[in-house]
């Protein structure tokens, strides 16, 4: 069976490529060849950046982050209890 061509890029790489696309100094084809990513993927990352950028400084985002931290701490306590039960 052939190995999948799917690659996982970290967030910093995606942000760097998307930011280059937003700047508009280079064409999508040029960015694609420089970073080795399909132009459609760059367009999706660029669009996601533009869609989510206004929320970076909003109160709604801060509220979501606080809820995520609460869930993480609750998840850790469940994990600890399960781990202790298995000992």
N, C-alpha and C. Protein backbone atom coordinates (compact mmCIF):
# COMPACT_ATOMS: atom_id res chain seq x y z
N UNK A 1 0.84 -1.18 0.00
CA UNK A 1 0.00 0.00 0.00
C UNK A 1 0.89 1.24 0.00
N UNK A 2 0.51 2.23 -0.76
CA UNK A 2 1.31 3.45 -0.88
C UNK A 2 1.18 4.29 0.38
N UNK A 3 2.27 4.92 0.74
CA UNK A 3 2.28 5.79 1.91
C UNK A 3 1.54 7.09 1.59
N UNK A 4 0.79 7.58 2.54
CA UNK A 4 0.03 8.80 2.36
C UNK A 4 0.96 10.00 2.16
N UNK A 5 0.54 10.91 1.30
CA UNK A 5 1.34 12.10 1.03
C UNK A 5 1.03 13.23 2.01
N UNK A 6 0.09 12.99 2.91
CA UNK A 6 -0.31 14.03 3.85
C UNK A 6 0.83 14.37 4.81
N UNK A 7 1.07 15.68 4.95
CA UNK A 7 2.09 16.16 5.88
C UNK A 7 1.43 17.03 6.93
N UNK A 8 1.98 17.01 8.10
CA UNK A 8 1.48 17.87 9.17
C UNK A 8 2.47 19.00 9.39
N UNK A 9 1.99 20.22 9.25
CA UNK A 9 2.82 21.39 9.46
C UNK A 9 2.45 22.01 10.80
N UNK A 10 3.45 22.52 11.51
CA UNK A 10 3.16 23.14 12.80
C UNK A 10 2.53 24.52 12.57
N UNK A 11 1.94 25.04 13.62
CA UNK A 11 1.23 26.31 13.54
C UNK A 11 2.10 27.47 13.11
N UNK A 12 3.35 27.47 13.55
CA UNK A 12 4.24 28.57 13.19
C UNK A 12 4.50 28.60 11.68
N UNK A 13 4.66 27.43 11.09
CA UNK A 13 4.88 27.35 9.65
C UNK A 13 3.65 27.85 8.90
N UNK A 14 2.47 27.38 9.32
CA UNK A 14 1.23 27.81 8.67
C UNK A 14 1.06 29.32 8.78
N UNK A 15 1.34 29.86 9.95
CA UNK A 15 1.20 31.30 10.16
C UNK A 15 2.17 32.08 9.27
N UNK A 16 3.39 31.60 9.16
CA UNK A 16 4.39 32.28 8.34
C UNK A 16 3.96 32.30 6.87
N UNK A 17 3.49 31.16 6.37
CA UNK A 17 3.06 31.07 4.98
C UNK A 17 1.81 31.93 4.75
N UNK A 18 0.85 31.85 5.67
CA UNK A 18 -0.38 32.63 5.53
C UNK A 18 -0.09 34.12 5.56
N UNK A 19 0.82 34.53 6.42
CA UNK A 19 1.17 35.94 6.51
C UNK A 19 1.83 36.42 5.21
N UNK A 20 2.69 35.59 4.65
CA UNK A 20 3.30 35.93 3.36
C UNK A 20 2.22 36.10 2.29
N UNK A 21 1.21 35.22 2.33
CA UNK A 21 0.12 35.31 1.34
C UNK A 21 -0.70 36.58 1.54
N UNK A 22 -0.93 36.97 2.80
CA UNK A 22 -1.70 38.18 3.09
C UNK A 22 -0.94 39.41 2.61
N UNK A 23 0.37 39.41 2.78
CA UNK A 23 1.17 40.55 2.33
C UNK A 23 0.99 40.81 0.85
N UNK A 24 0.87 39.76 0.06
CA UNK A 24 0.64 39.90 -1.37
C UNK A 24 1.86 40.29 -2.17
N UNK A 25 3.04 40.20 -1.58
CA UNK A 25 4.27 40.56 -2.29
C UNK A 25 4.68 39.49 -3.30
N UNK A 26 4.24 38.26 -3.06
CA UNK A 26 4.57 37.14 -3.95
C UNK A 26 3.28 36.47 -4.38
N UNK A 27 3.31 35.86 -5.55
CA UNK A 27 2.13 35.14 -6.04
C UNK A 27 1.97 33.83 -5.28
N UNK A 28 0.78 33.27 -5.36
CA UNK A 28 0.52 31.97 -4.73
C UNK A 28 1.44 30.90 -5.31
N UNK A 29 1.67 30.97 -6.61
CA UNK A 29 2.55 29.99 -7.25
C UNK A 29 3.97 30.09 -6.69
N UNK A 30 4.42 31.30 -6.49
CA UNK A 30 5.76 31.52 -5.95
C UNK A 30 5.87 31.00 -4.52
N UNK A 31 4.86 31.32 -3.69
CA UNK A 31 4.85 30.82 -2.31
C UNK A 31 4.78 29.31 -2.28
N UNK A 32 4.00 28.75 -3.18
CA UNK A 32 3.85 27.31 -3.25
C UNK A 32 5.19 26.63 -3.54
N UNK A 33 5.91 27.18 -4.47
CA UNK A 33 7.20 26.57 -4.81
C UNK A 33 8.24 26.81 -3.72
N UNK A 34 8.19 27.96 -3.07
CA UNK A 34 9.16 28.25 -2.01
C UNK A 34 8.95 27.37 -0.77
N UNK A 35 7.69 27.17 -0.40
CA UNK A 35 7.38 26.44 0.83
C UNK A 35 7.00 24.99 0.59
N UNK A 36 6.81 24.60 -0.66
CA UNK A 36 6.47 23.21 -0.96
C UNK A 36 5.07 22.83 -0.52
N UNK A 37 4.15 23.77 -0.61
CA UNK A 37 2.77 23.56 -0.20
C UNK A 37 1.87 23.92 -1.38
N UNK A 38 0.81 23.16 -1.59
CA UNK A 38 -0.10 23.41 -2.70
C UNK A 38 -0.75 24.78 -2.54
N UNK A 39 -0.94 25.50 -3.65
CA UNK A 39 -1.54 26.84 -3.57
C UNK A 39 -2.91 26.86 -2.91
N UNK A 40 -3.71 25.82 -3.11
CA UNK A 40 -5.03 25.78 -2.47
C UNK A 40 -4.90 25.71 -0.95
N UNK A 41 -3.88 25.01 -0.47
CA UNK A 41 -3.66 24.93 0.97
C UNK A 41 -3.27 26.30 1.52
N UNK A 42 -2.43 26.99 0.78
CA UNK A 42 -2.02 28.34 1.20
C UNK A 42 -3.23 29.26 1.24
N UNK A 43 -4.12 29.15 0.26
CA UNK A 43 -5.34 29.96 0.25
C UNK A 43 -6.21 29.67 1.46
N UNK A 44 -6.33 28.39 1.84
CA UNK A 44 -7.14 28.04 3.02
C UNK A 44 -6.52 28.62 4.29
N UNK A 45 -5.19 28.51 4.43
CA UNK A 45 -4.52 29.07 5.61
C UNK A 45 -4.68 30.58 5.64
N UNK A 46 -4.55 31.22 4.49
CA UNK A 46 -4.71 32.68 4.40
C UNK A 46 -6.12 33.08 4.81
N UNK A 47 -7.12 32.37 4.29
CA UNK A 47 -8.50 32.70 4.61
C UNK A 47 -8.79 32.49 6.09
N UNK A 48 -8.25 31.42 6.65
CA UNK A 48 -8.45 31.17 8.09
C UNK A 48 -7.82 32.28 8.92
N UNK A 49 -6.63 32.72 8.52
CA UNK A 49 -5.97 33.82 9.22
C UNK A 49 -6.83 35.07 9.18
N UNK A 50 -7.34 35.40 8.00
CA UNK A 50 -8.15 36.60 7.86
C UNK A 50 -9.47 36.47 8.63
N UNK A 51 -10.05 35.27 8.67
CA UNK A 51 -11.31 35.06 9.39
C UNK A 51 -11.13 35.16 10.90
N UNK A 52 -10.03 34.64 11.41
CA UNK A 52 -9.85 34.57 12.86
C UNK A 52 -9.08 35.75 13.44
N UNK A 53 -8.47 36.56 12.61
CA UNK A 53 -7.67 37.68 13.09
C UNK A 53 -8.46 38.67 13.94
N UNK A 54 -9.68 39.04 13.57
CA UNK A 54 -10.42 40.00 14.40
C UNK A 54 -10.70 39.48 15.82
N UNK A 55 -10.77 38.18 15.98
CA UNK A 55 -11.06 37.60 17.30
C UNK A 55 -9.86 37.57 18.23
N UNK A 56 -8.69 37.85 17.73
CA UNK A 56 -7.48 37.78 18.55
C UNK A 56 -7.57 38.70 19.75
N UNK A 57 -8.14 39.88 19.56
CA UNK A 57 -8.20 40.86 20.63
C UNK A 57 -9.58 41.01 21.23
N UNK A 58 -10.49 40.13 20.88
CA UNK A 58 -11.87 40.27 21.37
C UNK A 58 -12.04 39.62 22.74
N UNK A 59 -13.06 40.04 23.45
CA UNK A 59 -13.37 39.49 24.77
C UNK A 59 -13.87 38.06 24.63
N UNK A 60 -14.53 37.75 23.51
CA UNK A 60 -15.05 36.40 23.30
C UNK A 60 -13.92 35.37 23.27
N UNK A 61 -12.81 35.72 22.63
CA UNK A 61 -11.68 34.80 22.55
C UNK A 61 -11.10 34.57 23.95
N UNK A 62 -10.97 35.63 24.74
CA UNK A 62 -10.43 35.48 26.09
C UNK A 62 -11.33 34.59 26.93
N UNK A 63 -12.63 34.72 26.75
CA UNK A 63 -13.58 33.89 27.48
C UNK A 63 -13.43 32.43 27.07
N UNK A 64 -13.26 32.16 25.77
CA UNK A 64 -13.08 30.80 25.28
C UNK A 64 -11.79 30.20 25.82
N UNK A 65 -10.73 31.00 25.87
CA UNK A 65 -9.46 30.50 26.40
C UNK A 65 -9.59 30.14 27.86
N UNK A 66 -10.31 30.96 28.64
CA UNK A 66 -10.51 30.67 30.06
C UNK A 66 -11.31 29.39 30.23
N UNK A 67 -12.31 29.17 29.41
CA UNK A 67 -13.10 27.94 29.47
C UNK A 67 -12.23 26.75 29.11
N UNK A 68 -11.34 26.91 28.15
CA UNK A 68 -10.44 25.83 27.75
C UNK A 68 -9.50 25.46 28.87
N UNK A 69 -9.02 26.44 29.62
CA UNK A 69 -8.13 26.17 30.75
C UNK A 69 -8.88 25.42 31.84
N UNK A 70 -10.14 25.79 32.08
CA UNK A 70 -10.93 25.09 33.08
C UNK A 70 -11.15 23.64 32.68
N UNK A 71 -11.42 23.41 31.40
CA UNK A 71 -11.64 22.06 30.92
C UNK A 71 -10.35 21.25 31.02
N UNK A 72 -9.22 21.88 30.75
CA UNK A 72 -7.94 21.19 30.84
C UNK A 72 -7.67 20.76 32.27
N UNK A 73 -7.91 21.64 33.22
CA UNK A 73 -7.66 21.28 34.61
C UNK A 73 -8.65 20.21 35.07
N UNK A 74 -9.89 20.27 34.61
CA UNK A 74 -10.87 19.24 34.96
C UNK A 74 -10.47 17.91 34.33
N UNK A 75 -10.01 17.96 33.10
CA UNK A 75 -9.56 16.75 32.42
C UNK A 75 -8.36 16.13 33.11
N UNK A 76 -7.47 16.97 33.62
CA UNK A 76 -6.30 16.46 34.32
C UNK A 76 -6.71 15.74 35.59
N UNK A 77 -7.69 16.28 36.31
CA UNK A 77 -8.10 15.63 37.55
C UNK A 77 -8.76 14.29 37.25
N UNK A 78 -9.53 14.19 36.17
CA UNK A 78 -10.12 12.91 35.79
C UNK A 78 -9.01 11.94 35.43
N UNK A 79 -8.03 12.41 34.70
CA UNK A 79 -6.90 11.57 34.31
C UNK A 79 -6.17 11.07 35.55
N UNK A 80 -5.93 11.95 36.51
CA UNK A 80 -5.24 11.56 37.74
C UNK A 80 -6.03 10.50 38.50
N UNK A 81 -7.35 10.67 38.58
CA UNK A 81 -8.17 9.69 39.30
C UNK A 81 -8.12 8.33 38.61
N UNK A 82 -8.19 8.31 37.29
CA UNK A 82 -8.13 7.04 36.58
C UNK A 82 -6.77 6.38 36.74
N UNK A 83 -5.74 7.19 36.72
CA UNK A 83 -4.40 6.66 36.87
C UNK A 83 -4.20 6.07 38.25
N UNK A 84 -4.74 6.75 39.27
CA UNK A 84 -4.62 6.25 40.65
C UNK A 84 -5.43 4.98 40.86
N UNK A 85 -6.56 4.85 40.18
CA UNK A 85 -7.37 3.65 40.30
C UNK A 85 -6.67 2.45 39.70
N UNK A 86 -5.85 2.67 38.69
CA UNK A 86 -5.15 1.57 38.04
C UNK A 86 -3.91 1.12 38.79
N UNK A 87 -3.50 1.88 39.79
CA UNK A 87 -2.28 1.53 40.54
C UNK A 87 -2.54 0.46 41.58
